[in-house]
Amino acid sequence: MTAPTTATTSPQTERVSTDAPPHKASSPSDPPTLASLRPGQKARIVAVDAERGTQLAQRLTDLGFIPGRTVEVLRRAPLGDPFLFQVADYEISMRKADVRIVKIEEIER
């Protein structure tokens, strides 16, 4: 007679993140994003990349980050994150990971 065996499994922890999608490597043909700007620079929004997060893209457009609109970087936190932007007639603070999906064309100063 053999003793019954029991399989023991360890519970696995699943990490759920609400952060923006990870940054994908950009190629030279990719347009720059808001995350590439420095304080004092202005840009015109070309597109919001919904393929990298539809909820985030919708949130950004709801906040005024829409194609054709001019955006200026007012400040960056000491470690580079978050940014403070002038969008339309208001200021808004956004994380670098979030604004990586906003494609821009720089405006000459």
PDB file of N, CA and C in Angstrom:
ATOM      1  N   MET A   1       0.848  -1.179   0.000  1.00  0.00           N
ATOM      2  CA  MET A   1       0.000   0.000   0.000  1.00  0.00           C
ATOM      3  C   MET A   1       0.890   1.237   0.000  1.00  0.00           C
ATOM      4  N   THR A   2       0.584   2.114  -0.892  1.00  0.00           N
ATOM      5  CA  THR A   2       1.372   3.342  -0.984  1.00  0.00           C
ATOM      6  C   THR A   2       0.580   4.492  -0.402  1.00  0.00           C
ATOM      7  N   ALA A   3       1.307   5.405   0.146  1.00  0.00           N
ATOM      8  CA  ALA A   3       0.664   6.577   0.750  1.00  0.00           C
ATOM      9  C   ALA A   3       0.203   7.522  -0.347  1.00  0.00           C
ATOM     10  N   PRO A   4      -0.964   8.138  -0.172  1.00  0.00           N
ATOM     11  CA  PRO A   4      -1.432   9.091  -1.177  1.00  0.00           C
ATOM     12  C   PRO A   4      -0.485  10.292  -1.243  1.00  0.00           C
ATOM     13  N   THR A   5      -0.317  10.796  -2.427  1.00  0.00           N
ATOM     14  CA  THR A   5       0.543  11.974  -2.603  1.00  0.00           C
ATOM     15  C   THR A   5      -0.327  13.184  -2.869  1.00  0.00           C
ATOM     16  N   THR A   6       0.128  14.264  -2.378  1.00  0.00           N
ATOM     17  CA  THR A   6      -0.600  15.512  -2.631  1.00  0.00           C
ATOM     18  C   THR A   6       0.345  16.473  -3.326  1.00  0.00           C
ATOM     19  N   ALA A   7      -0.143  17.069  -4.321  1.00  0.00           N
ATOM     20  CA  ALA A   7       0.661  18.059  -5.040  1.00  0.00           C
ATOM     21  C   ALA A   7       0.516  19.392  -4.334  1.00  0.00           C
ATOM     22  N   THR A   8       1.629  19.988  -4.088  1.00  0.00           N
ATOM     23  CA  THR A   8       1.584  21.313  -3.469  1.00  0.00           C
ATOM     24  C   THR A   8       1.996  22.335  -4.514  1.00  0.00           C
ATOM     25  N   THR A   9       1.213  23.317  -4.611  1.00  0.00           N
ATOM     26  CA  THR A   9       1.537  24.402  -5.537  1.00  0.00           C
ATOM     27  C   THR A   9       1.624  25.683  -4.751  1.00  0.00           C
ATOM     28  N   SER A  10       2.556  26.476  -5.137  1.00  0.00           N
ATOM     29  CA  SER A  10       2.668  27.770  -4.460  1.00  0.00           C
ATOM     30  C   SER A  10       1.814  28.773  -5.209  1.00  0.00           C
ATOM     31  N   PRO A  11       1.112  29.605  -4.482  1.00  0.00           N
ATOM     32  CA  PRO A  11       0.280  30.598  -5.164  1.00  0.00           C
ATOM     33  C   PRO A  11       1.172  31.593  -5.903  1.00  0.00           C
ATOM     34  N   GLN A  12       0.770  31.933  -7.090  1.00  0.00           N
ATOM     35  CA  GLN A  12       1.522  32.912  -7.865  1.00  0.00           C
ATOM     36  C   GLN A  12       0.861  34.263  -7.708  1.00  0.00           C
ATOM     37  N   THR A  13       1.690  35.248  -7.595  1.00  0.00           N
ATOM     38  CA  THR A  13       1.181  36.603  -7.462  1.00  0.00           C
ATOM     39  C   THR A  13       1.170  37.250  -8.833  1.00  0.00           C
ATOM     40  N   GLU A  14       0.055  37.799  -9.187  1.00  0.00           N
ATOM     41  CA  GLU A  14      -0.063  38.483 -10.459  1.00  0.00           C
ATOM     42  C   GLU A  14      -0.047  39.975 -10.198  1.00  0.00           C
ATOM     43  N   ARG A  15       0.839  40.669 -10.883  1.00  0.00           N
ATOM     44  CA  ARG A  15       0.952  42.114 -10.717  1.00  0.00           C
ATOM     45  C   ARG A  15       0.094  42.787 -11.773  1.00  0.00           C
ATOM     46  N   VAL A  16      -0.800  43.611 -11.317  1.00  0.00           N
ATOM     47  CA  VAL A  16      -1.650  44.367 -12.217  1.00  0.00           C
ATOM     48  C   VAL A  16      -1.219  45.815 -12.140  1.00  0.00           C
ATOM     49  N   SER A  17      -0.947  46.388 -13.279  1.00  0.00           N
ATOM     50  CA  SER A  17      -0.448  47.756 -13.317  1.00  0.00           C
ATOM     51  C   SER A  17      -1.458  48.669 -13.984  1.00  0.00           C
ATOM     52  N   THR A  18      -1.585  49.849 -13.437  1.00  0.00           N
ATOM     53  CA  THR A  18      -2.446  50.858 -14.055  1.00  0.00           C
ATOM     54  C   THR A  18      -1.610  51.909 -14.755  1.00  0.00           C
ATOM     55  N   ASP A  19      -0.304  51.675 -14.818  1.00  0.00           N
ATOM     56  CA  ASP A  19       0.593  52.626 -15.462  1.00  0.00           C
ATOM     57  C   ASP A  19       0.399  52.607 -16.967  1.00  0.00           C
ATOM     58  N   ALA A  20       1.006  53.581 -17.594  1.00  0.00           N
ATOM     59  CA  ALA A  20       0.978  53.661 -19.047  1.00  0.00           C
ATOM     60  C   ALA A  20       1.741  52.481 -19.630  1.00  0.00           C
ATOM     61  N   PRO A  21       1.464  52.147 -20.869  1.00  0.00           N
ATOM     62  CA  PRO A  21       2.193  51.058 -21.488  1.00  0.00           C
ATOM     63  C   PRO A  21       3.685  51.364 -21.520  1.00  0.00           C
ATOM     64  N   PRO A  22       4.536  50.336 -21.503  1.00  0.00           N
ATOM     65  CA  PRO A  22       5.968  50.601 -21.514  1.00  0.00           C
ATOM     66  C   PRO A  22       6.380  51.326 -22.779  1.00  0.00           C
ATOM     67  N   HIS A  23       7.425  52.097 -22.648  1.00  0.00           N
ATOM     68  CA  HIS A  23       7.918  52.874 -23.781  1.00  0.00           C
ATOM     69  C   HIS A  23       8.560  51.947 -24.791  1.00  0.00           C
ATOM     70  N   LYS A  24       8.131  52.038 -26.039  1.00  0.00           N
ATOM     71  CA  LYS A  24       8.771  51.224 -27.058  1.00  0.00           C
ATOM     72  C   LYS A  24       9.899  52.037 -27.676  1.00  0.00           C
ATOM     73  N   ALA A  25      10.911  51.346 -28.122  1.00  0.00           N
ATOM     74  CA  ALA A  25      12.054  52.023 -28.731  1.00  0.00           C
ATOM     75  C   ALA A  25      11.577  52.756 -29.974  1.00  0.00           C
ATOM     76  N   SER A  26      12.037  53.977 -30.131  1.00  0.00           N
ATOM     77  CA  SER A  26      11.617  54.749 -31.289  1.00  0.00           C
ATOM     78  C   SER A  26      12.658  54.625 -32.387  1.00  0.00           C
ATOM     79  N   SER A  27      12.195  54.672 -33.598  1.00  0.00           N
ATOM     80  CA  SER A  27      13.099  54.632 -34.739  1.00  0.00           C
ATOM     81  C   SER A  27      13.253  56.051 -35.259  1.00  0.00           C
ATOM     82  N   PRO A  28      14.279  56.306 -36.070  1.00  0.00           N
ATOM     83  CA  PRO A  28      14.486  57.666 -36.581  1.00  0.00           C
ATOM     84  C   PRO A  28      13.290  58.209 -37.352  1.00  0.00           C
ATOM     85  N   SER A  29      12.444  57.320 -37.908  1.00  0.00           N
ATOM     86  CA  SER A  29      11.290  57.790 -38.673  1.00  0.00           C
ATOM     87  C   SER A  29      10.102  58.150 -37.786  1.00  0.00           C
ATOM     88  N   ASP A  30      10.137  57.745 -36.507  1.00  0.00           N
ATOM     89  CA  ASP A  30       9.050  58.079 -35.587  1.00  0.00           C
ATOM     90  C   ASP A  30       9.075  59.570 -35.272  1.00  0.00           C
ATOM     91  N   PRO A  31       7.899  60.207 -35.252  1.00  0.00           N
ATOM     92  CA  PRO A  31       7.883  61.620 -34.852  1.00  0.00           C
ATOM     93  C   PRO A  31       8.229  61.746 -33.372  1.00  0.00           C
ATOM     94  N   PRO A  32       8.769  62.894 -32.970  1.00  0.00           N
ATOM     95  CA  PRO A  32       9.075  63.089 -31.547  1.00  0.00           C
ATOM     96  C   PRO A  32       7.785  63.118 -30.728  1.00  0.00           C
ATOM     97  N   THR A  33       7.933  62.956 -29.419  1.00  0.00           N
ATOM     98  CA  THR A  33       6.783  62.982 -28.517  1.00  0.00           C
ATOM     99  C   THR A  33       6.941  64.120 -27.516  1.00  0.00           C
ATOM    100  N   LEU A  34       5.879  64.403 -26.779  1.00  0.00           N
ATOM    101  CA  LEU A  34       5.944  65.444 -25.751  1.00  0.00           C
ATOM    102  C   LEU A  34       7.012  65.146 -24.709  1.00  0.00           C
ATOM    103  N   ALA A  35       7.308  63.879 -24.485  1.00  0.00           N
ATOM    104  CA  ALA A  35       8.314  63.498 -23.491  1.00  0.00           C
ATOM    105  C   ALA A  35       9.717  63.941 -23.890  1.00  0.00           C
ATOM    106  N   SER A  36       9.921  64.286 -25.156  1.00  0.00           N
ATOM    107  CA  SER A  36      11.254  64.682 -25.620  1.00  0.00           C
ATOM    108  C   SER A  36      11.522  66.180 -25.491  1.00  0.00           C
ATOM    109  N   LEU A  37      10.517  66.947 -25.090  1.00  0.00           N
ATOM    110  CA  LEU A  37      10.682  68.403 -25.009  1.00  0.00           C
ATOM    111  C   LEU A  37      11.332  68.847 -23.705  1.00  0.00           C
ATOM    112  N   ARG A  38      11.949  70.017 -23.764  1.00  0.00           N
ATOM    113  CA  ARG A  38      12.572  70.636 -22.591  1.00  0.00           C
ATOM    114  C   ARG A  38      11.761  71.877 -22.204  1.00  0.00           C
ATOM    115  N   PRO A  39      11.920  72.330 -20.964  1.00  0.00           N
ATOM    116  CA  PRO A  39      11.209  73.542 -20.546  1.00  0.00           C
ATOM    117  C   PRO A  39      11.480  74.712 -21.498  1.00  0.00           C
ATOM    118  N   GLY A  40      10.399  75.415 -21.828  1.00  0.00           N
ATOM    119  CA  GLY A  40      10.491  76.551 -22.741  1.00  0.00           C
ATOM    120  C   GLY A  40      10.198  76.190 -24.183  1.00  0.00           C
ATOM    121  N   GLN A  41      10.222  74.916 -24.522  1.00  0.00           N
ATOM    122  CA  GLN A  41       9.948  74.503 -25.892  1.00  0.00           C
ATOM    123  C   GLN A  41       8.448  74.407 -26.132  1.00  0.00           C
ATOM    124  N   LYS A  42       8.065  74.751 -27.360  1.00  0.00           N
ATOM    125  CA  LYS A  42       6.669  74.638 -27.785  1.00  0.00           C
ATOM    126  C   LYS A  42       6.581  73.618 -28.905  1.00  0.00           C
ATOM    127  N   ALA A  43       5.413  73.001 -29.006  1.00  0.00           N
ATOM    128  CA  ALA A  43       5.183  72.017 -30.056  1.00  0.00           C
ATOM    129  C   ALA A  43       3.714  72.017 -30.440  1.00  0.00           C
ATOM    130  N   ARG A  44       3.470  71.510 -31.623  1.00  0.00           N
ATOM    131  CA  ARG A  44       2.101  71.319 -32.098  1.00  0.00           C
ATOM    132  C   ARG A  44       1.828  69.818 -32.049  1.00  0.00           C
ATOM    133  N   ILE A  45       0.697  69.455 -31.487  1.00  0.00           N
ATOM    134  CA  ILE A  45       0.332  68.039 -31.392  1.00  0.00           C
ATOM    135  C   ILE A  45      -0.081  67.543 -32.775  1.00  0.00           C
ATOM    136  N   VAL A  46       0.510  66.425 -33.177  1.00  0.00           N
ATOM    137  CA  VAL A  46       0.219  65.808 -34.465  1.00  0.00           C
ATOM    138  C   VAL A  46      -0.782  64.667 -34.296  1.00  0.00           C
ATOM    139  N   ALA A  47      -0.592  63.862 -33.242  1.00  0.00           N
ATOM    140  CA  ALA A  47      -1.467  62.704 -33.016  1.00  0.00           C
ATOM    141  C   ALA A  47      -1.312  62.207 -31.591  1.00  0.00           C
ATOM    142  N   VAL A  48      -2.329  61.497 -31.132  1.00  0.00           N
ATOM    143  CA  VAL A  48      -2.270  60.780 -29.861  1.00  0.00           C
ATOM    144  C   VAL A  48      -2.372  59.303 -30.232  1.00  0.00           C
ATOM    145  N   ASP A  49      -1.325  58.546 -29.920  1.00  0.00           N
ATOM    146  CA  ASP A  49      -1.188  57.154 -30.348  1.00  0.00           C
ATOM    147  C   ASP A  49      -2.089  56.227 -29.536  1.00  0.00           C
ATOM    148  N   ALA A  50      -3.293  55.996 -30.032  1.00  0.00           N
ATOM    149  CA  ALA A  50      -4.267  55.164 -29.315  1.00  0.00           C
ATOM    150  C   ALA A  50      -3.887  53.692 -29.313  1.00  0.00           C
ATOM    151  N   GLU A  51      -3.003  53.273 -30.202  1.00  0.00           N
ATOM    152  CA  GLU A  51      -2.591  51.869 -30.243  1.00  0.00           C
ATOM    153  C   GLU A  51      -1.839  51.466 -28.984  1.00  0.00           C
ATOM    154  N   ARG A  52      -1.263  52.414 -28.275  1.00  0.00           N
ATOM    155  CA  ARG A  52      -0.477  52.100 -27.082  1.00  0.00           C
ATOM    156  C   ARG A  52      -1.264  52.296 -25.804  1.00  0.00           C
ATOM    157  N   GLY A  53      -2.552  52.467 -25.905  1.00  0.00           N
ATOM    158  CA  GLY A  53      -3.394  52.596 -24.719  1.00  0.00           C
ATOM    159  C   GLY A  53      -4.603  53.460 -25.012  1.00  0.00           C
ATOM    160  N   THR A  54      -5.727  52.830 -25.322  1.00  0.00           N
ATOM    161  CA  THR A  54      -6.905  53.595 -25.718  1.00  0.00           C
ATOM    162  C   THR A  54      -7.479  54.411 -24.568  1.00  0.00           C
ATOM    163  N   GLN A  55      -7.450  53.872 -23.345  1.00  0.00           N
ATOM    164  CA  GLN A  55      -7.975  54.648 -22.212  1.00  0.00           C
ATOM    165  C   GLN A  55      -7.108  55.870 -21.950  1.00  0.00           C
ATOM    166  N   LEU A  56      -5.804  55.692 -22.004  1.00  0.00           N
ATOM    167  CA  LEU A  56      -4.891  56.813 -21.799  1.00  0.00           C
ATOM    168  C   LEU A  56      -5.048  57.836 -22.916  1.00  0.00           C
ATOM    169  N   ALA A  57      -5.160  57.375 -24.148  1.00  0.00           N
ATOM    170  CA  ALA A  57      -5.339  58.284 -25.280  1.00  0.00           C
ATOM    171  C   ALA A  57      -6.621  59.098 -25.116  1.00  0.00           C
ATOM    172  N   GLN A  58      -7.693  58.452 -24.699  1.00  0.00           N
ATOM    173  CA  GLN A  58      -8.955  59.163 -24.484  1.00  0.00           C
ATOM    174  C   GLN A  58      -8.822  60.179 -23.358  1.00  0.00           C
ATOM    175  N   ARG A  59      -8.141  59.797 -22.291  1.00  0.00           N
ATOM    176  CA  ARG A  59      -7.936  60.713 -21.157  1.00  0.00           C
ATOM    177  C   ARG A  59      -7.154  61.944 -21.598  1.00  0.00           C
ATOM    178  N   LEU A  60      -6.097  61.731 -22.372  1.00  0.00           N
ATOM    179  CA  LEU A  60      -5.288  62.860 -22.835  1.00  0.00           C
ATOM    180  C   LEU A  60      -6.084  63.785 -23.752  1.00  0.00           C
ATOM    181  N   THR A  61      -6.877  63.223 -24.653  1.00  0.00           N
ATOM    182  CA  THR A  61      -7.684  64.084 -25.518  1.00  0.00           C
ATOM    183  C   THR A  61      -8.750  64.820 -24.717  1.00  0.00           C
ATOM    184  N   ASP A  62      -9.313  64.168 -23.707  1.00  0.00           N
ATOM    185  CA  ASP A  62     -10.281  64.844 -22.837  1.00  0.00           C
ATOM    186  C   ASP A  62      -9.638  66.018 -22.096  1.00  0.00           C
ATOM    187  N   LEU A  63      -8.348  65.888 -21.788  1.00  0.00           N
ATOM    188  CA  LEU A  63      -7.628  66.954 -21.084  1.00  0.00           C
ATOM    189  C   LEU A  63      -7.152  68.066 -22.018  1.00  0.00           C
ATOM    190  N   GLY A  64      -7.368  67.902 -23.323  1.00  0.00           N
ATOM    191  CA  GLY A  64      -7.016  68.958 -24.259  1.00  0.00           C
ATOM    192  C   GLY A  64      -5.813  68.684 -25.135  1.00  0.00           C
ATOM    193  N   PHE A  65      -5.217  67.518 -25.018  1.00  0.00           N
ATOM    194  CA  PHE A  65      -4.087  67.156 -25.875  1.00  0.00           C
ATOM    195  C   PHE A  65      -4.645  66.617 -27.188  1.00  0.00           C
ATOM    196  N   ILE A  66      -5.033  67.539 -28.073  1.00  0.00           N
ATOM    197  CA  ILE A  66      -5.670  67.154 -29.326  1.00  0.00           C
ATOM    198  C   ILE A  66      -4.828  67.633 -30.509  1.00  0.00           C
ATOM    199  N   PRO A  67      -4.867  66.899 -31.625  1.00  0.00           N
ATOM    200  CA  PRO A  67      -4.090  67.296 -32.799  1.00  0.00           C
ATOM    201  C   PRO A  67      -4.388  68.732 -33.222  1.00  0.00           C
ATOM    202  N   GLY A  68      -3.311  69.455 -33.541  1.00  0.00           N
ATOM    203  CA  GLY A  68      -3.424  70.841 -33.962  1.00  0.00           C
ATOM    204  C   GLY A  68      -3.201  71.837 -32.840  1.00  0.00           C
ATOM    205  N   ARG A  69      -3.338  71.411 -31.606  1.00  0.00           N
ATOM    206  CA  ARG A  69      -3.181  72.308 -30.457  1.00  0.00           C
ATOM    207  C   ARG A  69      -1.703  72.521 -30.143  1.00  0.00           C
ATOM    208  N   THR A  70      -1.370  73.750 -29.738  1.00  0.00           N
ATOM    209  CA  THR A  70      -0.010  74.083 -29.326  1.00  0.00           C
ATOM    210  C   THR A  70       0.150  73.833 -27.836  1.00  0.00           C
ATOM    211  N   VAL A  71       1.290  73.233 -27.478  1.00  0.00           N
ATOM    212  CA  VAL A  71       1.606  72.893 -26.091  1.00  0.00           C
ATOM    213  C   VAL A  71       2.989  73.444 -25.784  1.00  0.00           C
ATOM    214  N   GLU A  72       3.157  73.966 -24.573  1.00  0.00           N
ATOM    215  CA  GLU A  72       4.472  74.438 -24.136  1.00  0.00           C
ATOM    216  C   GLU A  72       4.847  73.729 -22.840  1.00  0.00           C
ATOM    217  N   VAL A  73       6.120  73.342 -22.744  1.00  0.00           N
ATOM    218  CA  VAL A  73       6.618  72.761 -21.494  1.00  0.00           C
ATOM    219  C   VAL A  73       7.044  73.924 -20.608  1.00  0.00           C
ATOM    220  N   LEU A  74       6.385  74.070 -19.468  1.00  0.00           N
ATOM    221  CA  LEU A  74       6.723  75.143 -18.537  1.00  0.00           C
ATOM    222  C   LEU A  74       7.842  74.720 -17.593  1.00  0.00           C
ATOM    223  N   ARG A  75       7.726  73.505 -17.054  1.00  0.00           N
ATOM    224  CA  ARG A  75       8.732  73.006 -16.098  1.00  0.00           C
ATOM    225  C   ARG A  75       8.772  71.493 -16.138  1.00  0.00           C
ATOM    226  N   ARG A  76       9.899  70.986 -15.622  1.00  0.00           N
ATOM    227  CA  ARG A  76      10.037  69.555 -15.354  1.00  0.00           C
ATOM    228  C   ARG A  76      10.506  69.425 -13.924  1.00  0.00           C
ATOM    229  N   ALA A  77      10.057  68.398 -13.247  1.00  0.00           N
ATOM    230  CA  ALA A  77      10.504  68.149 -11.873  1.00  0.00           C
ATOM    231  C   ALA A  77      12.011  67.865 -11.887  1.00  0.00           C
ATOM    232  N   PRO A  78      12.672  68.015 -10.750  1.00  0.00           N
ATOM    233  CA  PRO A  78      14.127  67.837 -10.695  1.00  0.00           C
ATOM    234  C   PRO A  78      14.650  66.528 -11.303  1.00  0.00           C
ATOM    235  N   LEU A  79      13.932  65.449 -11.177  1.00  0.00           N
ATOM    236  CA  LEU A  79      14.379  64.186 -11.767  1.00  0.00           C
ATOM    237  C   LEU A  79      13.765  63.950 -13.148  1.00  0.00           C
ATOM    238  N   GLY A  80      13.133  64.977 -13.718  1.00  0.00           N
ATOM    239  CA  GLY A  80      12.593  64.882 -15.068  1.00  0.00           C
ATOM    240  C   GLY A  80      11.160  64.409 -15.173  1.00  0.00           C
ATOM    241  N   ASP A  81      10.521  64.159 -14.058  1.00  0.00           N
ATOM    242  CA  ASP A  81       9.158  63.642 -14.099  1.00  0.00           C
ATOM    243  C   ASP A  81       8.430  64.100 -12.852  1.00  0.00           C
ATOM    244  N   PRO A  82       7.275  64.701 -12.912  1.00  0.00           N
ATOM    245  CA  PRO A  82       6.429  64.960 -14.066  1.00  0.00           C
ATOM    246  C   PRO A  82       6.791  66.268 -14.778  1.00  0.00           C
ATOM    247  N   PHE A  83       6.052  66.518 -15.853  1.00  0.00           N
ATOM    248  CA  PHE A  83       6.162  67.747 -16.635  1.00  0.00           C
ATOM    249  C   PHE A  83       5.013  68.670 -16.245  1.00  0.00           C
ATOM    250  N   LEU A  84       5.213  69.963 -16.422  1.00  0.00           N
ATOM    251  CA  LEU A  84       4.118  70.928 -16.311  1.00  0.00           C
ATOM    252  C   LEU A  84       3.952  71.552 -17.689  1.00  0.00           C
ATOM    253  N   PHE A  85       2.769  71.381 -18.278  1.00  0.00           N
ATOM    254  CA  PHE A  85       2.475  71.870 -19.623  1.00  0.00           C
ATOM    255  C   PHE A  85       1.486  73.017 -19.584  1.00  0.00           C
ATOM    256  N   GLN A  86       1.611  73.910 -20.558  1.00  0.00           N
ATOM    257  CA  GLN A  86       0.591  74.924 -20.846  1.00  0.00           C
ATOM    258  C   GLN A  86      -0.168  74.382 -22.048  1.00  0.00           C
ATOM    259  N   VAL A  87      -1.437  74.067 -21.845  1.00  0.00           N
ATOM    260  CA  VAL A  87      -2.291  73.536 -22.907  1.00  0.00           C
ATOM    261  C   VAL A  87      -3.514  74.431 -22.961  1.00  0.00           C
ATOM    262  N   ALA A  88      -3.772  75.011 -24.126  1.00  0.00           N
ATOM    263  CA  ALA A  88      -4.873  75.972 -24.269  1.00  0.00           C
ATOM    264  C   ALA A  88      -4.672  77.080 -23.238  1.00  0.00           C
ATOM    265  N   ASP A  89      -5.629  77.287 -22.351  1.00  0.00           N
ATOM    266  CA  ASP A  89      -5.501  78.386 -21.380  1.00  0.00           C
ATOM    267  C   ASP A  89      -5.303  77.874 -19.956  1.00  0.00           C
ATOM    268  N   TYR A  90      -4.777  76.667 -19.794  1.00  0.00           N
ATOM    269  CA  TYR A  90      -4.556  76.134 -18.451  1.00  0.00           C
ATOM    270  C   TYR A  90      -3.233  75.371 -18.382  1.00  0.00           C
ATOM    271  N   GLU A  91      -2.792  75.118 -17.151  1.00  0.00           N
ATOM    272  CA  GLU A  91      -1.572  74.357 -16.906  1.00  0.00           C
ATOM    273  C   GLU A  91      -1.959  72.981 -16.376  1.00  0.00           C
ATOM    274  N   ILE A  92      -1.221  71.978 -16.815  1.00  0.00           N
ATOM    275  CA  ILE A  92      -1.508  70.614 -16.380  1.00  0.00           C
ATOM    276  C   ILE A  92      -0.200  69.855 -16.191  1.00  0.00           C
ATOM    277  N   SER A  93      -0.140  69.090 -15.116  1.00  0.00           N
ATOM    278  CA  SER A  93       1.029  68.274 -14.814  1.00  0.00           C
ATOM    279  C   SER A  93       0.760  66.846 -15.275  1.00  0.00           C
ATOM    280  N   MET A  94       1.712  66.286 -16.024  1.00  0.00           N
ATOM    281  CA  MET A  94       1.558  64.928 -16.558  1.00  0.00           C
ATOM    282  C   MET A  94       2.858  64.152 -16.397  1.00  0.00           C
ATOM    283  N   ARG A  95       2.721  62.835 -16.225  1.00  0.00           N
ATOM    284  CA  ARG A  95       3.893  61.963 -16.130  1.00  0.00           C
ATOM    285  C   ARG A  95       4.501  61.731 -17.514  1.00  0.00           C
ATOM    286  N   LYS A  96       5.812  61.558 -17.517  1.00  0.00           N
ATOM    287  CA  LYS A  96       6.542  61.307 -18.757  1.00  0.00           C
ATOM    288  C   LYS A  96       5.997  60.072 -19.480  1.00  0.00           C
ATOM    289  N   ALA A  97       5.713  59.018 -18.732  1.00  0.00           N
ATOM    290  CA  ALA A  97       5.199  57.782 -19.338  1.00  0.00           C
ATOM    291  C   ALA A  97       3.876  58.016 -20.059  1.00  0.00           C
ATOM    292  N   ASP A  98       3.073  58.941 -19.561  1.00  0.00           N
ATOM    293  CA  ASP A  98       1.773  59.213 -20.176  1.00  0.00           C
ATOM    294  C   ASP A  98       1.897  60.017 -21.465  1.00  0.00           C
ATOM    295  N   VAL A  99       2.796  60.979 -21.501  1.00  0.00           N
ATOM    296  CA  VAL A  99       2.872  61.859 -22.672  1.00  0.00           C
ATOM    297  C   VAL A  99       3.736  61.288 -23.790  1.00  0.00           C
ATOM    298  N   ARG A 100       4.289  60.101 -23.586  1.00  0.00           N
ATOM    299  CA  ARG A 100       5.060  59.455 -24.657  1.00  0.00           C
ATOM    300  C   ARG A 100       4.186  59.062 -25.839  1.00  0.00           C
ATOM    301  N   ILE A 101       2.890  59.008 -25.652  1.00  0.00           N
ATOM    302  CA  ILE A 101       2.017  58.620 -26.765  1.00  0.00           C
ATOM    303  C   ILE A 101       1.526  59.831 -27.559  1.00  0.00           C
ATOM    304  N   VAL A 102       1.930  61.039 -27.149  1.00  0.00           N
ATOM    305  CA  VAL A 102       1.513  62.253 -27.857  1.00  0.00           C
ATOM    306  C   VAL A 102       2.609  62.637 -28.848  1.00  0.00           C
ATOM    307  N   LYS A 103       2.328  62.446 -30.135  1.00  0.00           N
ATOM    308  CA  LYS A 103       3.273  62.769 -31.207  1.00  0.00           C
ATOM    309  C   LYS A 103       3.192  64.261 -31.514  1.00  0.00           C
ATOM    310  N   ILE A 104       4.358  64.868 -31.749  1.00  0.00           N
ATOM    311  CA  ILE A 104       4.407  66.324 -31.935  1.00  0.00           C
ATOM    312  C   ILE A 104       5.283  66.715 -33.112  1.00  0.00           C
ATOM    313  N   GLU A 105       5.172  67.988 -33.484  1.00  0.00           N
ATOM    314  CA  GLU A 105       6.165  68.633 -34.333  1.00  0.00           C
ATOM    315  C   GLU A 105       6.581  69.887 -33.580  1.00  0.00           C
ATOM    316  N   GLU A 106       7.885  70.066 -33.437  1.00  0.00           N
ATOM    317  CA  GLU A 106       8.382  71.205 -32.676  1.00  0.00           C
ATOM    318  C   GLU A 106       8.115  72.498 -33.421  1.00  0.00           C
ATOM    319  N   ILE A 107       7.880  73.552 -32.654  1.00  0.00           N
ATOM    320  CA  ILE A 107       7.665  74.882 -33.205  1.00  0.00           C
ATOM    321  C   ILE A 107       8.929  75.679 -32.935  1.00  0.00           C
ATOM    322  N   GLU A 108       9.429  76.336 -33.952  1.00  0.00           N
ATOM    323  CA  GLU A 108      10.633  77.155 -33.783  1.00  0.00           C
ATOM    324  C   GLU A 108      10.349  78.269 -32.800  1.00  0.00           C
ATOM    325  N   ARG A 109      11.341  78.554 -31.965  1.00  0.00           N
ATOM    326  CA  ARG A 109      11.168  79.635 -30.980  1.00  0.00           C
ATOM    327  C   ARG A 109      11.338  80.978 -31.619  1.00  0.00           C
TER     328      ARG A 109
END
